[in-house]
N, C-alpha and C. Protein backbone atom coordinates (compact mmCIF):
# COMPACT_ATOMS: atom_id res chain seq x y z
N MET A 1 9.72 29.54 -30.53
CA MET A 1 10.59 30.71 -30.48
C MET A 1 10.36 31.51 -29.20
N ARG A 2 9.06 31.64 -28.85
CA ARG A 2 8.73 32.37 -27.63
C ARG A 2 9.32 31.68 -26.41
N GLU A 3 9.27 30.35 -26.40
CA GLU A 3 9.81 29.58 -25.27
C GLU A 3 11.31 29.81 -25.13
N ALA A 4 12.05 29.81 -26.25
CA ALA A 4 13.49 30.04 -26.20
C ALA A 4 13.80 31.44 -25.68
N THR A 5 12.97 32.44 -26.08
CA THR A 5 13.17 33.81 -25.60
C THR A 5 12.94 33.90 -24.11
N GLU A 6 11.95 33.19 -23.60
CA GLU A 6 11.67 33.18 -22.17
C GLU A 6 12.83 32.57 -21.39
N ILE A 7 13.42 31.51 -21.94
CA ILE A 7 14.57 30.89 -21.29
C ILE A 7 15.72 31.87 -21.23
N PHE A 8 15.95 32.61 -22.32
CA PHE A 8 17.03 33.59 -22.37
C PHE A 8 16.79 34.67 -21.31
N GLU A 9 15.56 35.15 -21.20
CA GLU A 9 15.24 36.18 -20.22
C GLU A 9 15.40 35.66 -18.80
N ALA A 10 15.04 34.40 -18.59
CA ALA A 10 15.12 33.80 -17.26
C ALA A 10 16.55 33.60 -16.78
N LYS A 11 17.51 33.77 -17.70
CA LYS A 11 18.92 33.61 -17.32
C LYS A 11 19.37 34.69 -16.34
N LYS A 12 18.72 35.84 -16.39
CA LYS A 12 19.15 36.96 -15.57
C LYS A 12 19.02 36.61 -14.08
N GLY A 13 20.13 36.68 -13.37
CA GLY A 13 20.11 36.39 -11.94
C GLY A 13 19.90 34.94 -11.61
N SER A 14 20.14 34.03 -12.56
CA SER A 14 19.87 32.62 -12.33
C SER A 14 20.93 31.97 -11.45
N VAL A 15 20.54 30.86 -10.85
CA VAL A 15 21.47 30.08 -10.03
C VAL A 15 22.62 29.58 -10.89
N ASN A 16 22.31 29.16 -12.12
CA ASN A 16 23.36 28.66 -13.00
C ASN A 16 24.43 29.70 -13.27
N VAL A 17 24.01 30.92 -13.54
CA VAL A 17 24.96 32.01 -13.79
C VAL A 17 25.82 32.24 -12.55
N MET A 18 25.22 32.18 -11.37
CA MET A 18 25.98 32.39 -10.14
C MET A 18 27.00 31.28 -9.91
N ILE A 19 26.59 30.03 -10.19
CA ILE A 19 27.53 28.91 -10.05
C ILE A 19 28.71 29.09 -11.00
N ALA A 20 28.42 29.45 -12.25
CA ALA A 20 29.48 29.66 -13.24
C ALA A 20 30.39 30.80 -12.82
N ALA A 21 29.80 31.89 -12.33
CA ALA A 21 30.59 33.06 -11.92
C ALA A 21 31.53 32.71 -10.77
N VAL A 22 31.01 31.98 -9.78
CA VAL A 22 31.84 31.58 -8.64
C VAL A 22 32.98 30.68 -9.11
N THR A 23 32.68 29.77 -10.01
CA THR A 23 33.70 28.84 -10.53
C THR A 23 34.82 29.61 -11.24
N VAL A 24 34.45 30.58 -12.04
CA VAL A 24 35.45 31.39 -12.76
C VAL A 24 36.29 32.20 -11.77
N VAL A 25 35.64 32.82 -10.80
CA VAL A 25 36.36 33.61 -9.80
C VAL A 25 37.34 32.74 -9.02
N VAL A 26 36.89 31.54 -8.64
CA VAL A 26 37.77 30.63 -7.90
C VAL A 26 39.01 30.30 -8.71
N PHE A 27 38.84 30.08 -10.01
CA PHE A 27 39.99 29.75 -10.85
C PHE A 27 41.03 30.86 -10.80
N PHE A 28 40.61 32.10 -10.96
CA PHE A 28 41.57 33.19 -11.02
C PHE A 28 42.12 33.55 -9.63
N VAL A 29 41.34 33.32 -8.60
CA VAL A 29 41.87 33.49 -7.24
C VAL A 29 42.96 32.46 -6.98
N MET A 30 42.70 31.21 -7.40
CA MET A 30 43.71 30.17 -7.25
C MET A 30 44.96 30.49 -8.06
N GLN A 31 44.74 31.05 -9.26
CA GLN A 31 45.88 31.43 -10.10
C GLN A 31 46.72 32.50 -9.42
N PHE A 32 46.04 33.47 -8.82
CA PHE A 32 46.75 34.53 -8.11
C PHE A 32 47.54 33.96 -6.95
N LEU A 33 46.94 33.02 -6.22
CA LEU A 33 47.61 32.44 -5.06
C LEU A 33 48.83 31.63 -5.48
N GLU A 34 48.72 30.93 -6.57
CA GLU A 34 49.85 30.11 -7.01
C GLU A 34 50.93 30.94 -7.70
N LYS A 35 50.54 32.05 -8.28
CA LYS A 35 51.49 32.97 -8.93
C LYS A 35 52.31 32.27 -10.01
N ARG A 36 51.61 31.59 -10.86
CA ARG A 36 52.31 30.97 -11.98
C ARG A 36 51.45 31.06 -13.23
N SER A 37 52.07 31.05 -14.42
CA SER A 37 51.34 31.07 -15.68
C SER A 37 52.11 30.28 -16.72
N ALA A 38 51.42 29.95 -17.80
CA ALA A 38 52.05 29.23 -18.90
C ALA A 38 51.93 30.07 -20.16
N GLY A 39 53.03 30.56 -20.69
CA GLY A 39 53.02 31.35 -21.90
C GLY A 39 52.47 32.74 -21.75
N GLY A 40 52.13 33.14 -20.55
CA GLY A 40 51.63 34.48 -20.32
C GLY A 40 50.18 34.69 -20.71
N VAL A 41 49.54 33.68 -21.33
CA VAL A 41 48.16 33.84 -21.77
C VAL A 41 47.27 32.77 -21.15
N PHE A 42 47.63 31.51 -21.32
CA PHE A 42 46.83 30.41 -20.82
C PHE A 42 47.33 30.01 -19.43
N TYR A 43 46.48 30.21 -18.47
CA TYR A 43 46.87 29.97 -17.09
C TYR A 43 46.50 28.56 -16.65
N GLY A 44 47.26 28.05 -15.68
CA GLY A 44 47.00 26.71 -15.19
C GLY A 44 47.57 26.50 -13.80
N HIS A 45 47.27 25.35 -13.24
CA HIS A 45 47.71 25.01 -11.89
C HIS A 45 48.44 23.67 -11.90
N THR A 46 49.31 23.48 -10.92
CA THR A 46 49.97 22.20 -10.75
C THR A 46 49.06 21.27 -9.97
N SER A 47 49.22 19.97 -10.17
CA SER A 47 48.42 18.99 -9.43
C SER A 47 48.65 19.10 -7.93
N ARG A 48 49.89 19.36 -7.55
CA ARG A 48 50.20 19.48 -6.12
C ARG A 48 49.44 20.64 -5.49
N PHE A 49 49.43 21.77 -6.19
CA PHE A 49 48.73 22.94 -5.67
C PHE A 49 47.22 22.65 -5.54
N LEU A 50 46.65 22.02 -6.56
CA LEU A 50 45.23 21.71 -6.53
C LEU A 50 44.91 20.72 -5.41
N LEU A 51 45.79 19.76 -5.21
CA LEU A 51 45.59 18.79 -4.13
C LEU A 51 45.58 19.48 -2.77
N GLU A 52 46.40 20.48 -2.62
CA GLU A 52 46.47 21.23 -1.36
C GLU A 52 45.26 22.13 -1.15
N HIS A 53 44.47 22.35 -2.21
CA HIS A 53 43.36 23.29 -2.13
C HIS A 53 42.02 22.66 -2.47
N GLY A 54 41.86 21.37 -2.24
CA GLY A 54 40.54 20.76 -2.32
C GLY A 54 40.27 19.85 -3.49
N ALA A 55 41.30 19.47 -4.26
CA ALA A 55 41.08 18.55 -5.38
C ALA A 55 40.61 17.19 -4.88
N LEU A 56 39.94 16.45 -5.75
CA LEU A 56 39.48 15.11 -5.41
C LEU A 56 40.65 14.13 -5.48
N TYR A 57 40.82 13.37 -4.41
CA TYR A 57 41.88 12.37 -4.37
C TYR A 57 41.40 11.23 -3.49
N GLY A 58 41.24 10.05 -4.09
CA GLY A 58 40.63 8.92 -3.42
C GLY A 58 41.15 8.61 -2.03
N PRO A 59 42.46 8.44 -1.85
CA PRO A 59 42.97 8.10 -0.51
C PRO A 59 42.62 9.14 0.55
N TYR A 60 42.63 10.41 0.19
CA TYR A 60 42.29 11.47 1.15
C TYR A 60 40.80 11.43 1.50
N VAL A 61 39.96 11.15 0.51
CA VAL A 61 38.52 11.03 0.76
C VAL A 61 38.25 9.86 1.70
N LYS A 62 38.92 8.74 1.44
CA LYS A 62 38.73 7.56 2.27
C LYS A 62 39.25 7.77 3.69
N ASP A 63 40.16 8.72 3.85
CA ASP A 63 40.68 9.06 5.17
C ASP A 63 39.79 10.06 5.90
N GLY A 64 38.68 10.44 5.29
CA GLY A 64 37.73 11.32 5.98
C GLY A 64 37.62 12.73 5.44
N GLU A 65 38.37 13.07 4.40
CA GLU A 65 38.30 14.42 3.85
C GLU A 65 37.16 14.49 2.81
N TRP A 66 35.94 14.34 3.32
CA TRP A 66 34.76 14.26 2.47
C TRP A 66 34.46 15.57 1.75
N TYR A 67 34.93 16.67 2.28
CA TYR A 67 34.68 17.97 1.65
C TYR A 67 35.21 18.01 0.22
N ARG A 68 36.18 17.16 -0.10
CA ARG A 68 36.75 17.14 -1.45
C ARG A 68 35.72 16.70 -2.50
N LEU A 69 34.69 15.97 -2.08
CA LEU A 69 33.64 15.57 -3.00
C LEU A 69 32.87 16.79 -3.52
N PHE A 70 32.96 17.89 -2.81
CA PHE A 70 32.29 19.13 -3.18
C PHE A 70 33.25 20.16 -3.77
N THR A 71 34.38 20.37 -3.10
CA THR A 71 35.28 21.46 -3.50
C THR A 71 35.93 21.23 -4.86
N TYR A 72 36.11 19.97 -5.26
CA TYR A 72 36.79 19.71 -6.54
C TYR A 72 36.04 20.29 -7.72
N MET A 73 34.71 20.48 -7.57
CA MET A 73 33.89 20.99 -8.66
C MET A 73 34.24 22.42 -9.06
N PHE A 74 34.83 23.17 -8.13
CA PHE A 74 35.14 24.57 -8.39
C PHE A 74 36.59 24.78 -8.85
N LEU A 75 37.35 23.70 -8.96
CA LEU A 75 38.75 23.79 -9.35
C LEU A 75 38.94 23.28 -10.78
N HIS A 76 39.85 23.90 -11.53
CA HIS A 76 40.15 23.47 -12.89
C HIS A 76 41.65 23.51 -13.14
N MET A 77 42.09 22.58 -13.97
CA MET A 77 43.52 22.44 -14.21
C MET A 77 44.10 23.63 -14.97
N ASP A 78 43.40 24.08 -16.01
CA ASP A 78 43.88 25.22 -16.79
C ASP A 78 42.70 25.95 -17.39
N ILE A 79 42.96 27.04 -18.10
CA ILE A 79 41.87 27.87 -18.60
C ILE A 79 41.07 27.17 -19.69
N GLY A 80 41.71 26.31 -20.47
CA GLY A 80 40.97 25.55 -21.48
C GLY A 80 39.97 24.61 -20.83
N HIS A 81 40.38 23.95 -19.76
CA HIS A 81 39.51 23.06 -18.99
C HIS A 81 38.31 23.84 -18.46
N LEU A 82 38.58 25.01 -17.92
CA LEU A 82 37.53 25.87 -17.38
C LEU A 82 36.55 26.30 -18.47
N VAL A 83 37.07 26.81 -19.58
CA VAL A 83 36.22 27.32 -20.65
C VAL A 83 35.33 26.22 -21.23
N ASN A 84 35.87 25.03 -21.45
CA ASN A 84 35.08 23.92 -21.99
C ASN A 84 33.88 23.61 -21.10
N ASN A 85 34.11 23.54 -19.79
CA ASN A 85 33.02 23.23 -18.87
C ASN A 85 32.01 24.36 -18.79
N MET A 86 32.48 25.60 -18.77
CA MET A 86 31.58 26.73 -18.63
C MET A 86 30.73 26.94 -19.88
N LEU A 87 31.27 26.63 -21.04
CA LEU A 87 30.48 26.76 -22.27
C LEU A 87 29.29 25.80 -22.27
N VAL A 88 29.55 24.54 -21.90
CA VAL A 88 28.45 23.57 -21.85
C VAL A 88 27.46 23.96 -20.76
N LEU A 89 27.98 24.42 -19.62
CA LEU A 89 27.11 24.83 -18.52
C LEU A 89 26.23 26.00 -18.94
N PHE A 90 26.79 26.94 -19.70
CA PHE A 90 26.02 28.10 -20.14
C PHE A 90 24.89 27.70 -21.08
N PHE A 91 25.18 26.82 -22.02
CA PHE A 91 24.18 26.48 -23.03
C PHE A 91 23.12 25.51 -22.52
N LEU A 92 23.45 24.64 -21.58
CA LEU A 92 22.48 23.68 -21.09
C LEU A 92 21.92 24.02 -19.71
N GLY A 93 22.74 24.60 -18.86
CA GLY A 93 22.34 24.83 -17.48
C GLY A 93 21.18 25.79 -17.32
N ASN A 94 21.19 26.90 -18.05
CA ASN A 94 20.11 27.87 -17.93
C ASN A 94 18.78 27.29 -18.38
N ALA A 95 18.82 26.51 -19.47
CA ALA A 95 17.59 25.88 -19.96
C ALA A 95 17.05 24.90 -18.92
N LEU A 96 17.94 24.10 -18.33
CA LEU A 96 17.50 23.13 -17.34
C LEU A 96 16.92 23.84 -16.12
N GLU A 97 17.58 24.89 -15.67
CA GLU A 97 17.07 25.63 -14.51
C GLU A 97 15.67 26.18 -14.78
N TYR A 98 15.45 26.63 -16.00
CA TYR A 98 14.14 27.15 -16.40
C TYR A 98 13.05 26.10 -16.22
N TYR A 99 13.37 24.86 -16.54
CA TYR A 99 12.36 23.80 -16.50
C TYR A 99 12.19 23.16 -15.14
N VAL A 100 13.21 23.13 -14.31
CA VAL A 100 13.08 22.44 -13.03
C VAL A 100 12.97 23.39 -11.85
N GLY A 101 13.37 24.66 -12.03
CA GLY A 101 13.34 25.62 -10.93
C GLY A 101 14.70 25.81 -10.30
N LYS A 102 14.87 26.91 -9.59
CA LYS A 102 16.18 27.30 -9.06
C LYS A 102 16.72 26.33 -8.01
N ILE A 103 15.93 26.06 -6.98
CA ILE A 103 16.40 25.18 -5.90
C ILE A 103 16.60 23.75 -6.40
N PRO A 104 15.65 23.17 -7.12
CA PRO A 104 15.89 21.83 -7.67
C PRO A 104 17.11 21.79 -8.58
N TYR A 105 17.31 22.86 -9.36
CA TYR A 105 18.50 22.89 -10.23
C TYR A 105 19.78 22.84 -9.39
N MET A 106 19.81 23.63 -8.33
CA MET A 106 21.00 23.65 -7.48
C MET A 106 21.25 22.26 -6.86
N VAL A 107 20.18 21.64 -6.39
CA VAL A 107 20.31 20.30 -5.80
C VAL A 107 20.80 19.31 -6.86
N LEU A 108 20.22 19.38 -8.06
CA LEU A 108 20.61 18.47 -9.13
C LEU A 108 22.07 18.66 -9.52
N TYR A 109 22.49 19.90 -9.63
CA TYR A 109 23.87 20.19 -10.04
C TYR A 109 24.87 19.63 -9.02
N PHE A 110 24.68 19.98 -7.76
CA PHE A 110 25.66 19.57 -6.76
C PHE A 110 25.57 18.08 -6.42
N CYS A 111 24.37 17.52 -6.42
CA CYS A 111 24.25 16.07 -6.18
C CYS A 111 24.91 15.29 -7.31
N SER A 112 24.73 15.74 -8.55
CA SER A 112 25.38 15.07 -9.68
C SER A 112 26.89 15.13 -9.53
N GLY A 113 27.40 16.30 -9.14
CA GLY A 113 28.84 16.45 -8.96
C GLY A 113 29.39 15.57 -7.85
N ILE A 114 28.67 15.49 -6.74
CA ILE A 114 29.11 14.68 -5.61
C ILE A 114 29.06 13.18 -5.96
N LEU A 115 27.98 12.76 -6.60
CA LEU A 115 27.88 11.36 -7.00
C LEU A 115 28.92 11.01 -8.05
N ALA A 116 29.23 11.96 -8.95
CA ALA A 116 30.29 11.73 -9.93
C ALA A 116 31.63 11.52 -9.24
N ALA A 117 31.88 12.31 -8.20
CA ALA A 117 33.12 12.17 -7.44
C ALA A 117 33.20 10.81 -6.76
N LEU A 118 32.09 10.36 -6.19
CA LEU A 118 32.06 9.04 -5.56
C LEU A 118 32.31 7.94 -6.58
N GLY A 119 31.72 8.09 -7.77
CA GLY A 119 31.97 7.13 -8.83
C GLY A 119 33.43 7.08 -9.21
N SER A 120 34.06 8.24 -9.25
CA SER A 120 35.49 8.31 -9.57
C SER A 120 36.34 7.63 -8.50
N VAL A 121 36.03 7.90 -7.24
CA VAL A 121 36.80 7.33 -6.13
C VAL A 121 36.68 5.81 -6.11
N VAL A 122 35.48 5.31 -6.37
CA VAL A 122 35.25 3.87 -6.33
C VAL A 122 35.90 3.16 -7.52
N TYR A 123 35.81 3.77 -8.70
CA TYR A 123 36.26 3.10 -9.93
C TYR A 123 37.76 3.23 -10.17
N ASN A 124 38.34 4.38 -9.88
CA ASN A 124 39.73 4.65 -10.25
C ASN A 124 40.71 4.07 -9.23
N ILE A 125 41.24 2.90 -9.54
CA ILE A 125 42.16 2.25 -8.61
C ILE A 125 43.52 2.95 -8.58
N ASN A 126 43.82 3.74 -9.61
CA ASN A 126 45.11 4.44 -9.65
C ASN A 126 45.09 5.76 -8.87
N ASN A 127 43.91 6.13 -8.36
CA ASN A 127 43.79 7.31 -7.51
C ASN A 127 44.38 8.58 -8.12
N PRO A 128 43.91 9.01 -9.29
CA PRO A 128 44.41 10.26 -9.86
C PRO A 128 43.86 11.46 -9.10
N VAL A 129 44.56 12.59 -9.20
CA VAL A 129 44.06 13.86 -8.65
C VAL A 129 43.07 14.41 -9.68
N CYS A 130 41.84 14.64 -9.25
CA CYS A 130 40.78 15.06 -10.19
C CYS A 130 40.19 16.40 -9.78
N VAL A 131 39.94 17.24 -10.76
CA VAL A 131 39.28 18.52 -10.54
C VAL A 131 38.34 18.80 -11.72
N GLY A 132 37.43 19.73 -11.51
CA GLY A 132 36.59 20.18 -12.61
C GLY A 132 35.11 20.02 -12.36
N ALA A 133 34.34 20.85 -13.04
CA ALA A 133 32.88 20.82 -12.92
C ALA A 133 32.24 19.80 -13.85
N SER A 134 33.04 19.04 -14.58
CA SER A 134 32.48 18.19 -15.64
C SER A 134 31.55 17.10 -15.11
N GLY A 135 31.79 16.60 -13.91
CA GLY A 135 30.87 15.60 -13.35
C GLY A 135 29.48 16.20 -13.18
N ALA A 136 29.43 17.40 -12.62
CA ALA A 136 28.15 18.10 -12.46
C ALA A 136 27.58 18.50 -13.82
N VAL A 137 28.44 18.94 -14.74
CA VAL A 137 27.99 19.33 -16.07
C VAL A 137 27.40 18.14 -16.81
N PHE A 138 28.00 16.97 -16.66
CA PHE A 138 27.41 15.78 -17.26
C PHE A 138 26.07 15.45 -16.60
N GLY A 139 25.93 15.80 -15.32
CA GLY A 139 24.63 15.65 -14.67
C GLY A 139 23.58 16.52 -15.34
N ILE A 140 23.96 17.75 -15.67
CA ILE A 140 23.05 18.66 -16.39
C ILE A 140 22.70 18.07 -17.76
N THR A 141 23.71 17.51 -18.42
CA THR A 141 23.49 16.89 -19.73
C THR A 141 22.52 15.72 -19.63
N GLY A 142 22.72 14.87 -18.62
CA GLY A 142 21.81 13.74 -18.42
C GLY A 142 20.39 14.20 -18.13
N ALA A 143 20.26 15.26 -17.34
CA ALA A 143 18.93 15.79 -17.02
C ALA A 143 18.24 16.33 -18.27
N MET A 144 18.99 17.04 -19.12
CA MET A 144 18.41 17.56 -20.35
C MET A 144 18.00 16.42 -21.29
N ALA A 145 18.77 15.33 -21.26
CA ALA A 145 18.41 14.16 -22.07
C ALA A 145 17.06 13.61 -21.63
N TRP A 146 16.84 13.56 -20.31
CA TRP A 146 15.55 13.08 -19.82
C TRP A 146 14.41 14.01 -20.25
N LEU A 147 14.64 15.33 -20.16
CA LEU A 147 13.61 16.27 -20.58
C LEU A 147 13.25 16.11 -22.06
N LEU A 148 14.27 15.83 -22.87
CA LEU A 148 14.02 15.61 -24.29
C LEU A 148 13.22 14.33 -24.52
N VAL A 149 13.53 13.30 -23.76
CA VAL A 149 12.77 12.06 -23.86
C VAL A 149 11.30 12.31 -23.50
N LYS A 150 11.06 13.06 -22.42
CA LYS A 150 9.71 13.35 -21.96
C LYS A 150 8.95 14.22 -22.95
N ASN A 151 9.68 15.05 -23.70
CA ASN A 151 9.04 15.95 -24.65
C ASN A 151 9.12 15.45 -26.09
N ARG A 152 9.31 14.15 -26.23
CA ARG A 152 9.29 13.48 -27.52
C ARG A 152 10.34 14.03 -28.49
N GLY A 153 11.51 14.37 -27.92
CA GLY A 153 12.66 14.70 -28.76
C GLY A 153 12.82 16.13 -29.17
N GLN A 154 11.97 17.04 -28.69
CA GLN A 154 12.08 18.44 -29.08
C GLN A 154 11.83 19.32 -27.87
N LEU A 155 12.79 20.23 -27.59
CA LEU A 155 12.66 21.09 -26.42
C LEU A 155 13.48 22.35 -26.62
N ALA A 156 12.83 23.50 -26.73
CA ALA A 156 13.50 24.80 -26.80
C ALA A 156 14.63 24.83 -27.81
N GLY A 157 14.36 24.33 -29.02
CA GLY A 157 15.36 24.40 -30.08
C GLY A 157 16.36 23.27 -30.06
N MET A 158 16.32 22.38 -29.05
CA MET A 158 17.21 21.23 -29.00
C MET A 158 16.47 19.99 -29.46
N THR A 159 17.20 19.05 -29.99
CA THR A 159 16.60 17.80 -30.41
C THR A 159 17.25 16.63 -29.70
N LYS A 160 16.50 15.55 -29.60
CA LYS A 160 17.02 14.35 -28.95
C LYS A 160 18.24 13.82 -29.68
N GLN A 161 18.23 13.91 -31.00
CA GLN A 161 19.36 13.40 -31.78
C GLN A 161 20.64 14.18 -31.48
N ARG A 162 20.54 15.50 -31.42
CA ARG A 162 21.71 16.33 -31.13
C ARG A 162 22.25 16.06 -29.72
N MET A 163 21.33 15.94 -28.77
CA MET A 163 21.75 15.71 -27.40
C MET A 163 22.47 14.38 -27.25
N PHE A 164 21.92 13.33 -27.83
CA PHE A 164 22.54 12.02 -27.67
C PHE A 164 23.84 11.91 -28.49
N LEU A 165 23.92 12.65 -29.59
CA LEU A 165 25.18 12.71 -30.33
C LEU A 165 26.25 13.39 -29.48
N PHE A 166 25.87 14.46 -28.79
CA PHE A 166 26.80 15.14 -27.90
C PHE A 166 27.27 14.21 -26.78
N ILE A 167 26.34 13.44 -26.22
CA ILE A 167 26.70 12.51 -25.14
C ILE A 167 27.66 11.44 -25.65
N ILE A 168 27.37 10.90 -26.81
CA ILE A 168 28.22 9.85 -27.39
C ILE A 168 29.62 10.38 -27.68
N MET A 169 29.71 11.58 -28.26
CA MET A 169 31.01 12.18 -28.57
C MET A 169 31.79 12.46 -27.30
N SER A 170 31.10 12.95 -26.27
CA SER A 170 31.77 13.25 -24.99
C SER A 170 32.28 11.98 -24.34
N ALA A 171 31.46 10.93 -24.37
CA ALA A 171 31.87 9.66 -23.79
C ALA A 171 33.05 9.07 -24.56
N TYR A 172 33.01 9.18 -25.88
CA TYR A 172 34.11 8.68 -26.70
C TYR A 172 35.41 9.41 -26.36
N GLY A 173 35.31 10.73 -26.21
CA GLY A 173 36.50 11.50 -25.85
C GLY A 173 37.07 11.05 -24.52
N GLY A 174 36.19 10.68 -23.59
CA GLY A 174 36.66 10.21 -22.30
C GLY A 174 37.37 8.88 -22.37
N PHE A 175 36.93 8.01 -23.25
CA PHE A 175 37.58 6.70 -23.39
C PHE A 175 38.91 6.81 -24.14
N VAL A 176 38.99 7.75 -25.07
CA VAL A 176 40.22 7.91 -25.85
C VAL A 176 41.30 8.64 -25.07
N ASP A 177 40.91 9.70 -24.39
CA ASP A 177 41.87 10.51 -23.62
C ASP A 177 41.95 9.97 -22.20
N LYS A 178 43.06 9.36 -21.86
CA LYS A 178 43.22 8.72 -20.56
C LYS A 178 43.30 9.73 -19.40
N SER A 179 43.50 11.00 -19.72
CA SER A 179 43.55 12.01 -18.67
C SER A 179 42.15 12.43 -18.21
N ILE A 180 41.12 12.01 -18.96
CA ILE A 180 39.74 12.35 -18.62
C ILE A 180 39.16 11.29 -17.70
N ASP A 181 38.49 11.74 -16.65
CA ASP A 181 37.89 10.82 -15.68
C ASP A 181 36.51 10.39 -16.18
N ASN A 182 36.49 9.35 -17.00
CA ASN A 182 35.24 8.90 -17.59
C ASN A 182 34.29 8.33 -16.56
N ALA A 183 34.81 7.77 -15.48
CA ALA A 183 33.95 7.23 -14.43
C ALA A 183 33.11 8.34 -13.81
N ALA A 184 33.74 9.49 -13.56
CA ALA A 184 33.01 10.64 -13.01
C ALA A 184 31.98 11.14 -14.01
N HIS A 185 32.36 11.21 -15.29
CA HIS A 185 31.44 11.71 -16.31
C HIS A 185 30.20 10.83 -16.42
N MET A 186 30.39 9.53 -16.51
CA MET A 186 29.25 8.62 -16.71
C MET A 186 28.38 8.54 -15.45
N THR A 187 29.01 8.60 -14.28
CA THR A 187 28.22 8.60 -13.04
C THR A 187 27.40 9.88 -12.94
N GLY A 188 28.01 11.01 -13.28
CA GLY A 188 27.29 12.28 -13.26
C GLY A 188 26.14 12.27 -14.25
N LEU A 189 26.38 11.73 -15.43
CA LEU A 189 25.35 11.65 -16.46
C LEU A 189 24.14 10.85 -15.97
N ALA A 190 24.41 9.68 -15.40
CA ALA A 190 23.32 8.83 -14.88
C ALA A 190 22.60 9.50 -13.73
N ALA A 191 23.35 10.16 -12.84
CA ALA A 191 22.74 10.84 -11.70
C ALA A 191 21.81 11.95 -12.16
N GLY A 192 22.26 12.75 -13.13
CA GLY A 192 21.43 13.83 -13.63
C GLY A 192 20.16 13.32 -14.30
N PHE A 193 20.28 12.25 -15.06
CA PHE A 193 19.14 11.66 -15.74
C PHE A 193 18.08 11.21 -14.72
N LEU A 194 18.53 10.54 -13.66
CA LEU A 194 17.60 10.03 -12.65
C LEU A 194 17.00 11.16 -11.80
N LEU A 195 17.82 12.14 -11.44
CA LEU A 195 17.32 13.25 -10.63
C LEU A 195 16.31 14.09 -11.39
N ALA A 196 16.50 14.21 -12.70
CA ALA A 196 15.56 14.98 -13.52
C ALA A 196 14.16 14.36 -13.48
N MET A 197 14.08 13.06 -13.30
CA MET A 197 12.78 12.41 -13.19
C MET A 197 12.00 12.93 -11.98
N LEU A 198 12.72 13.35 -10.96
CA LEU A 198 12.09 13.86 -9.74
C LEU A 198 11.72 15.33 -9.85
N PHE A 199 12.54 16.11 -10.56
CA PHE A 199 12.42 17.56 -10.51
C PHE A 199 11.73 18.20 -11.71
N TYR A 200 11.53 17.45 -12.79
CA TYR A 200 11.00 18.07 -14.01
C TYR A 200 9.56 18.53 -13.85
N ARG A 201 9.28 19.74 -14.35
CA ARG A 201 7.92 20.26 -14.41
C ARG A 201 7.53 20.41 -15.88
N ASN A 202 6.24 20.41 -16.14
CA ASN A 202 5.82 20.54 -17.53
C ASN A 202 6.10 21.96 -18.03
N PRO A 203 6.27 22.15 -19.34
CA PRO A 203 6.63 23.46 -19.89
C PRO A 203 5.65 24.57 -19.55
N GLU A 204 4.35 24.26 -19.46
CA GLU A 204 3.36 25.29 -19.16
C GLU A 204 3.58 25.85 -17.75
N GLN A 205 3.82 24.96 -16.79
CA GLN A 205 4.06 25.39 -15.42
C GLN A 205 5.34 26.19 -15.32
N ALA A 206 6.39 25.72 -16.02
CA ALA A 206 7.67 26.43 -15.98
C ALA A 206 7.53 27.82 -16.57
N ALA A 207 6.76 27.96 -17.67
CA ALA A 207 6.59 29.26 -18.31
C ALA A 207 5.87 30.22 -17.39
N GLU A 208 4.83 29.74 -16.70
CA GLU A 208 4.09 30.59 -15.80
C GLU A 208 4.96 31.09 -14.65
N GLU A 209 5.77 30.20 -14.07
CA GLU A 209 6.62 30.58 -12.96
C GLU A 209 7.72 31.53 -13.42
N ALA A 210 8.27 31.28 -14.62
CA ALA A 210 9.32 32.16 -15.16
C ALA A 210 8.78 33.57 -15.38
N GLU A 211 7.54 33.69 -15.90
CA GLU A 211 6.94 34.99 -16.12
C GLU A 211 6.73 35.71 -14.80
N GLY A 212 6.35 34.94 -13.77
CA GLY A 212 6.19 35.56 -12.46
C GLY A 212 7.49 36.06 -11.90
N ASN A 213 8.60 35.33 -12.12
CA ASN A 213 9.91 35.76 -11.61
C ASN A 213 10.41 37.00 -12.34
N ILE A 214 10.16 37.07 -13.67
CA ILE A 214 10.63 38.21 -14.45
C ILE A 214 9.90 39.47 -14.06
N ASP A 215 8.56 39.35 -13.85
CA ASP A 215 7.77 40.51 -13.46
C ASP A 215 8.19 40.99 -12.08
């Protein structure tokens, strides 16, 4: 219980919160620029508009527009897409940052997202326009899976069974829904799992550093 409370306290001013905040701001700035809405409540963007503002698109990446491997992570198709990614990021990202540290967390998040984008470009022969933080979010999920494995299935109120059930359900959704870029998701998941092997610190060390940051 104490460990979970420390993670909650460590959320204040965290890198994860800043990444989420920037992502949300970008969505509404893009919405303002496009000046369009659906139903007056749920906002969204057209694929053309997103493509013009940094969405991932294989042919453009292959032509040298490598920045799209990074910028696509901050773009979302609609508010539902945004909320789904931010909810998972909120519940898993802060805990992961607590255990690996701020800079390693940032590296893990963005490397997972970039590698997920590369996986999408290589695998998707139909070259769909892709946006969203889900590749990076799956990287966070993969990293948390590794932490659970290292901690024998129990970590800050999470269990190995719940985590792997979440992964299986997410992967299933990707295979069923053809609009979901499953190649990006699975590449991000694998990238996060492997990167966590490099960045993970033991809980005692993480607790000591978190207490020092809070003080």
